[in-house]
C-alpha atoms as a PDB file:
ATOM      1  CA  MET A   1      76.646 102.570 123.356  1.00  0.00           C
ATOM      2  CA  ARG A   2      75.204  99.041 123.193  1.00  0.00           C
ATOM      3  CA  ARG A   3      77.192  95.917 123.867  1.00  0.00           C
ATOM      4  CA  ARG A   4      75.987  92.477 122.823  1.00  0.00           C
ATOM      5  CA  GLN A   5      77.058  89.131 124.227  1.00  0.00           C
ATOM      6  CA  PRO A   6      79.649  87.106 122.284  1.00  0.00           C
ATOM      7  CA  ASN A   7      78.452  84.548 119.790  1.00  0.00           C
ATOM      8  CA  LYS A   8      80.380  81.439 120.926  1.00  0.00           C
ATOM      9  CA  ALA A   9      80.175  79.883 117.452  1.00  0.00           C
ATOM     10  CA  SER A  10      82.316  82.675 116.045  1.00  0.00           C
ATOM     11  CA  VAL A  11      85.156  82.184 118.535  1.00  0.00           C
ATOM     12  CA  LEU A  12      87.646  79.736 117.081  1.00  0.00           C
ATOM     13  CA  ALA A  13      90.096  77.949 119.385  1.00  0.00           C
ATOM     14  CA  GLY A  14      93.441  76.216 119.178  1.00  0.00           C
ATOM     15  CA  ALA A  15      95.208  76.223 115.830  1.00  0.00           C
ATOM     16  CA  ALA A  16      92.130  77.511 114.035  1.00  0.00           C
ATOM     17  CA  VAL A  17      92.508  79.473 110.876  1.00  0.00           C
ATOM     18  CA  PHE A  18      89.636  81.127 109.164  1.00  0.00           C
ATOM     19  CA  THR A  19      89.365  82.221 105.584  1.00  0.00           C
ATOM     20  CA  LEU A  20      87.444  85.164 104.281  1.00  0.00           C
ATOM     21  CA  LEU A  21      86.879  85.346 100.546  1.00  0.00           C
ATOM     22  CA  LEU A  22      85.408  88.654  99.541  1.00  0.00           C
ATOM     23  CA  SER A  23      84.822  89.899  96.050  1.00  0.00           C
ATOM     24  CA  GLY A  24      85.083  93.557  95.319  1.00  0.00           C
ATOM     25  CA  ASP A  25      85.872  95.180  91.990  1.00  0.00           C
ATOM     26  CA  GLY A  26      86.331  91.737  90.414  1.00  0.00           C
ATOM     27  CA  MET A  27      89.080  90.675  92.837  1.00  0.00           C
ATOM     28  CA  ALA A  28      89.044  88.003  95.553  1.00  0.00           C
ATOM     29  CA  PHE A  29      90.551  88.646  98.967  1.00  0.00           C
ATOM     30  CA  ASP A  30      91.777  86.028 101.420  1.00  0.00           C
ATOM     31  CA  LEU A  31      91.995  86.757 105.127  1.00  0.00           C
ATOM     32  CA  LYS A  32      93.797  84.128 107.145  1.00  0.00           C
ATOM     33  CA  LEU A  33      95.285  84.342 110.577  1.00  0.00           C
ATOM     34  CA  ALA A  34      98.680  85.110 109.118  1.00  0.00           C
ATOM     35  CA  PRO A  35     101.918  86.301 110.669  1.00  0.00           C
ATOM     36  CA  ASN A  36     101.483  89.682 108.967  1.00  0.00           C
ATOM     37  CA  PRO A  37      97.988  91.164 108.396  1.00  0.00           C
ATOM     38  CA  LYS A  38      99.462  94.318 106.817  1.00  0.00           C
ATOM     39  CA  ARG A  39      99.348  92.998 103.244  1.00  0.00           C
ATOM     40  CA  TYR A  40      95.653  92.096 103.563  1.00  0.00           C
ATOM     41  CA  PHE A  41      94.930  95.565 104.916  1.00  0.00           C
ATOM     42  CA  ARG A  42      96.749  97.287 102.044  1.00  0.00           C
ATOM     43  CA  GLU A  43      94.723  95.342  99.447  1.00  0.00           C
ATOM     44  CA  LEU A  44      91.279  95.345 101.095  1.00  0.00           C
ATOM     45  CA  PRO A  45      88.786  97.453  99.077  1.00  0.00           C
ATOM     46  CA  LEU A  46      87.325  99.581 101.863  1.00  0.00           C
ATOM     47  CA  GLY A  47      83.861 100.977 101.224  1.00  0.00           C
ATOM     48  CA  THR A  48      82.795  98.196  98.834  1.00  0.00           C
ATOM     49  CA  ILE A  49      82.247  95.062 100.955  1.00  0.00           C
ATOM     50  CA  THR A  50      78.829  94.916 102.588  1.00  0.00           C
ATOM     51  CA  GLN A  51      77.894  93.597 106.010  1.00  0.00           C
ATOM     52  CA  ASP A  52      75.820  90.895 104.276  1.00  0.00           C
ATOM     53  CA  GLU A  53      78.951  89.641 102.460  1.00  0.00           C
ATOM     54  CA  LEU A  54      80.858  89.683 105.744  1.00  0.00           C
ATOM     55  CA  ILE A  55      78.178  87.607 107.493  1.00  0.00           C
ATOM     56  CA  ARG A  56      78.011  85.156 104.566  1.00  0.00           C
ATOM     57  CA  LYS A  57      81.773  84.570 104.715  1.00  0.00           C
ATOM     58  CA  LEU A  58      82.499  84.741 108.475  1.00  0.00           C
ATOM     59  CA  GLY A  59      79.165  84.283 110.195  1.00  0.00           C
ATOM     60  CA  LEU A  60      78.081  86.511 113.049  1.00  0.00           C
ATOM     61  CA  PRO A  61      80.790  88.322 115.015  1.00  0.00           C
ATOM     62  CA  ALA A  62      81.893  87.319 118.522  1.00  0.00           C
ATOM     63  CA  GLU A  63      81.046  90.837 119.724  1.00  0.00           C
ATOM     64  CA  ARG A  64      79.214  93.863 118.371  1.00  0.00           C
ATOM     65  CA  LEU A  65      79.440  97.429 119.560  1.00  0.00           C
ATOM     66  CA  THR A  66      77.633 100.492 118.205  1.00  0.00           C
ATOM     67  CA  VAL A  67      79.329 103.864 118.586  1.00  0.00           C
ATOM     68  CA  GLY A  68      77.547 106.742 116.847  1.00  0.00           C
ATOM     69  CA  ASP A  69      76.879 105.680 113.255  1.00  0.00           C
ATOM     70  CA  ALA A  70      79.543 102.931 113.274  1.00  0.00           C
ATOM     71  CA  GLU A  71      79.077  99.254 114.052  1.00  0.00           C
ATOM     72  CA  HIS A  72      82.201  97.459 115.324  1.00  0.00           C
ATOM     73  CA  TRP A  73      82.133  93.704 114.634  1.00  0.00           C
ATOM     74  CA  MET A  74      84.877  91.668 116.288  1.00  0.00           C
ATOM     75  CA  TYR A  75      85.968  88.232 115.092  1.00  0.00           C
ATOM     76  CA  VAL A  76      88.276  86.481 117.562  1.00  0.00           C
ATOM     77  CA  VAL A  77      90.863  83.863 116.643  1.00  0.00           C
ATOM     78  CA  SER A  78      93.021  82.203 119.303  1.00  0.00           C
ATOM     79  CA  SER A  79      96.703  81.835 118.576  1.00  0.00           C
ATOM     80  CA  ALA A  80      98.115  78.442 117.664  1.00  0.00           C
ATOM     81  CA  ASP A  81     101.047  79.210 119.990  1.00  0.00           C
ATOM     82  CA  SER A  82      98.959  79.848 123.077  1.00  0.00           C
ATOM     83  CA  PRO A  83      95.243  79.513 123.773  1.00  0.00           C
ATOM     84  CA  PHE A  84      95.605  82.548 126.045  1.00  0.00           C
ATOM     85  CA  THR A  85      96.789  84.925 123.317  1.00  0.00           C
ATOM     86  CA  ARG A  86      93.727  86.534 121.805  1.00  0.00           C
ATOM     87  CA  LYS A  87      93.966  87.796 118.243  1.00  0.00           C
ATOM     88  CA  SER A  88      91.084  89.632 116.672  1.00  0.00           C
ATOM     89  CA  TYR A  89      89.943  91.499 113.601  1.00  0.00           C
ATOM     90  CA  THR A  90      87.407  94.263 114.236  1.00  0.00           C
ATOM     91  CA  TYR A  91      85.446  95.364 111.186  1.00  0.00           C
ATOM     92  CA  VAL A  92      84.108  98.928 111.348  1.00  0.00           C
ATOM     93  CA  LEU A  93      80.902  99.204 109.340  1.00  0.00           C
ATOM     94  CA  ILE A  94      79.385 102.547 108.393  1.00  0.00           C
ATOM     95  CA  GLY A  95      76.281 102.633 106.241  1.00  0.00           C
ATOM     96  CA  GLY A  96      76.368  98.848 105.892  1.00  0.00           C
ATOM     97  CA  VAL A  97      79.848  98.643 104.320  1.00  0.00           C
ATOM     98  CA  ILE A  98      83.323  97.982 105.722  1.00  0.00           C
ATOM     99  CA  ALA A  99      84.956 101.372 106.388  1.00  0.00           C
ATOM    100  CA  ASP A 100      87.981 100.016 108.296  1.00  0.00           C
ATOM    101  CA  VAL A 101      89.430  96.887 109.911  1.00  0.00           C
ATOM    102  CA  ILE A 102      91.518  96.904 113.081  1.00  0.00           C
ATOM    103  CA  TYR A 103      93.837  94.041 114.052  1.00  0.00           C
ATOM    104  CA  ASN A 104      94.665  93.312 117.697  1.00  0.00           C
ATOM    105  CA  ASP A 105      97.125  90.707 118.905  1.00  0.00           C
ATOM    106  CA  GLY A 106      98.892  92.248 121.905  1.00  0.00           C
ATOM    107  CA  GLY A 107     102.079  92.164 119.842  1.00  0.00           C
ATOM    108  CA  PRO A 108     103.952  94.295 117.333  1.00  0.00           C
ATOM    109  CA  TRP A 109     100.941  94.881 115.060  1.00  0.00           C
ATOM    110  CA  ASN A 110      98.449  95.528 117.840  1.00  0.00           C
ATOM    111  CA  GLY A 111      96.003  98.207 116.756  1.00  0.00           C
ATOM    112  CA  ILE A 112      97.014  98.538 113.105  1.00  0.00           C
ATOM    113  CA  SER A 113      94.172  99.401 110.759  1.00  0.00           C
ATOM    114  CA  ALA A 114      93.405  99.056 107.079  1.00  0.00           C
ATOM    115  CA  LYS A 115      92.917 102.820 106.712  1.00  0.00           C
ATOM    116  CA  THR A 116      96.341 103.497 108.239  1.00  0.00           C
ATOM    117  CA  GLU A 117      98.076 100.898 106.065  1.00  0.00           C
ATOM    118  CA  GLN A 118      96.402 102.207 102.906  1.00  0.00           C
ATOM    119  CA  ALA A 119      97.429 105.791 103.733  1.00  0.00           C
ATOM    120  CA  LYS A 120     101.131 104.833 103.737  1.00  0.00           C
END
């Protein structure tokens, strides 16, 4: 297991909102720090978006972690309500494509994932 240092440029503070526009199967997807990430997770085309597309749209992740054959790329966004509340999206990449995304906010949706939402 390797852990890399955070890329400070990818950590957004204050009332920051980031947008991710990804094309897959002719559709565009918007990821914003929204009150409910569940809708984004249900619509995200897992297995089609490459790590190169992810880097082009979001830049390098704040943290990277390799576990087995999976790369975990975390993008951190601070809450507008409190600079101490850390919200993050962790993209799980297998074979160079997004296999899952996990949202963490310390609140009611802490730990939800795209795979779980799509299985419902």
